[in-house]
C-alpha atoms as a PDB file:
ATOM      1  CA  MET A   1     -24.925 -32.010 -25.378  1.00  0.00           C
ATOM      2  CA  ASN A   2     -24.302 -28.678 -26.905  1.00  0.00           C
ATOM      3  CA  PHE A   3     -21.250 -27.869 -29.043  1.00  0.00           C
ATOM      4  CA  ASP A   4     -19.392 -25.901 -26.073  1.00  0.00           C
ATOM      5  CA  HIS A   5     -19.881 -28.546 -23.751  1.00  0.00           C
ATOM      6  CA  LEU A   6     -18.445 -31.249 -26.328  1.00  0.00           C
ATOM      7  CA  PHE A   7     -15.684 -28.924 -27.286  1.00  0.00           C
ATOM      8  CA  ALA A   8     -14.699 -28.290 -23.586  1.00  0.00           C
ATOM      9  CA  THR A   9     -14.994 -31.994 -22.588  1.00  0.00           C
ATOM     10  CA  ALA A  10     -12.830 -32.995 -25.776  1.00  0.00           C
ATOM     11  CA  THR A  11     -10.102 -30.425 -24.770  1.00  0.00           C
ATOM     12  CA  ARG A  12      -9.553 -31.219 -21.074  1.00  0.00           C
ATOM     13  CA  ASP A  13      -6.174 -31.911 -20.175  1.00  0.00           C
ATOM     14  CA  ALA A  14      -3.938 -31.658 -16.924  1.00  0.00           C
ATOM     15  CA  THR A  15      -3.514 -27.709 -17.934  1.00  0.00           C
ATOM     16  CA  HIS A  16      -6.972 -27.156 -18.859  1.00  0.00           C
ATOM     17  CA  PRO A  17      -9.092 -29.491 -16.561  1.00  0.00           C
ATOM     18  CA  ALA A  18     -12.332 -28.045 -17.510  1.00  0.00           C
ATOM     19  CA  GLY A  19     -11.472 -28.075 -21.120  1.00  0.00           C
ATOM     20  CA  LEU A  20     -11.397 -25.038 -23.396  1.00  0.00           C
ATOM     21  CA  ILE A  21     -14.045 -22.641 -24.866  1.00  0.00           C
ATOM     22  CA  PRO A  22     -14.181 -22.503 -28.469  1.00  0.00           C
ATOM     23  CA  TYR A  23     -13.553 -19.553 -30.301  1.00  0.00           C
ATOM     24  CA  ASP A  24     -16.736 -18.305 -32.328  1.00  0.00           C
ATOM     25  CA  CYS A  25     -15.232 -19.160 -35.729  1.00  0.00           C
ATOM     26  CA  GLN A  26     -14.804 -22.722 -34.415  1.00  0.00           C
ATOM     27  CA  ARG A  27     -18.719 -22.690 -33.130  1.00  0.00           C
ATOM     28  CA  ARG A  28     -19.780 -21.180 -36.478  1.00  0.00           C
ATOM     29  CA  LEU A  29     -17.933 -23.899 -38.643  1.00  0.00           C
ATOM     30  CA  ALA A  30     -19.035 -26.735 -36.434  1.00  0.00           C
ATOM     31  CA  LEU A  31     -22.941 -25.812 -36.529  1.00  0.00           C
ATOM     32  CA  ASP A  32     -23.208 -24.568 -40.012  1.00  0.00           C
ATOM     33  CA  PRO A  33     -25.082 -26.710 -42.107  1.00  0.00           C
ATOM     34  CA  GLU A  34     -23.570 -25.448 -45.103  1.00  0.00           C
ATOM     35  CA  ARG A  35     -20.089 -25.903 -44.188  1.00  0.00           C
ATOM     36  CA  GLY A  36     -19.185 -28.210 -46.964  1.00  0.00           C
ATOM     37  CA  SER A  37     -20.028 -26.031 -49.804  1.00  0.00           C
ATOM     38  CA  ARG A  38     -17.498 -23.141 -49.226  1.00  0.00           C
ATOM     39  CA  GLN A  39     -13.681 -22.603 -48.350  1.00  0.00           C
ATOM     40  CA  SER A  40     -13.131 -21.446 -44.603  1.00  0.00           C
ATOM     41  CA  GLU A  41     -10.868 -18.589 -44.273  1.00  0.00           C
ATOM     42  CA  ILE A  42     -10.007 -18.658 -40.773  1.00  0.00           C
ATOM     43  CA  PRO A  43      -6.507 -16.963 -39.903  1.00  0.00           C
ATOM     44  CA  THR A  44      -3.507 -19.608 -38.611  1.00  0.00           C
ATOM     45  CA  GLY A  45      -3.695 -20.360 -34.843  1.00  0.00           C
ATOM     46  CA  LEU A  46      -7.500 -19.943 -34.200  1.00  0.00           C
ATOM     47  CA  GLY A  47      -8.261 -23.556 -33.920  1.00  0.00           C
ATOM     48  CA  LYS A  48      -9.336 -24.680 -37.218  1.00  0.00           C
ATOM     49  CA  THR A  49      -8.175 -28.224 -36.548  1.00  0.00           C
ATOM     50  CA  ALA A  50      -9.687 -28.777 -33.377  1.00  0.00           C
ATOM     51  CA  ALA A  51     -13.114 -27.527 -35.378  1.00  0.00           C
ATOM     52  CA  ALA A  52     -12.463 -29.858 -38.142  1.00  0.00           C
ATOM     53  CA  VAL A  53     -12.295 -33.035 -35.443  1.00  0.00           C
ATOM     54  CA  PHE A  54     -15.865 -32.187 -34.607  1.00  0.00           C
ATOM     55  CA  LEU A  55     -17.019 -31.808 -38.271  1.00  0.00           C
ATOM     56  CA  VAL A  56     -15.796 -35.334 -39.147  1.00  0.00           C
ATOM     57  CA  ARG A  57     -17.416 -36.624 -35.897  1.00  0.00           C
ATOM     58  CA  ASP A  58     -20.619 -35.110 -36.899  1.00  0.00           C
ATOM     59  CA  SER A  59     -20.298 -36.212 -40.693  1.00  0.00           C
ATOM     60  CA  SER A  60     -19.942 -39.659 -39.189  1.00  0.00           C
ATOM     61  CA  GLY A  61     -23.161 -39.842 -37.034  1.00  0.00           C
ATOM     62  CA  GLY A  62     -22.209 -38.048 -34.205  1.00  0.00           C
ATOM     63  CA  ASP A  63     -24.607 -35.543 -33.213  1.00  0.00           C
ATOM     64  CA  SER A  64     -22.838 -32.148 -32.247  1.00  0.00           C
ATOM     65  CA  HIS A  65     -26.305 -30.434 -32.451  1.00  0.00           C
ATOM     66  CA  ALA A  66     -28.117 -31.816 -29.261  1.00  0.00           C
END
């Protein structure tokens, strides 16, 4: 499962039955192997929290890169 599919699956609801498409900054944050070594400067309202959920999942042994 790739990140876009994982993100869409995790963001499904009654309003968005197919889920949401991640912003480029969310994709870069989730897939960047150096993500823990620097501060993210992403503007308010562009999905930092949604992307962070996947960072926590990945760091706990999940595979968001498959």
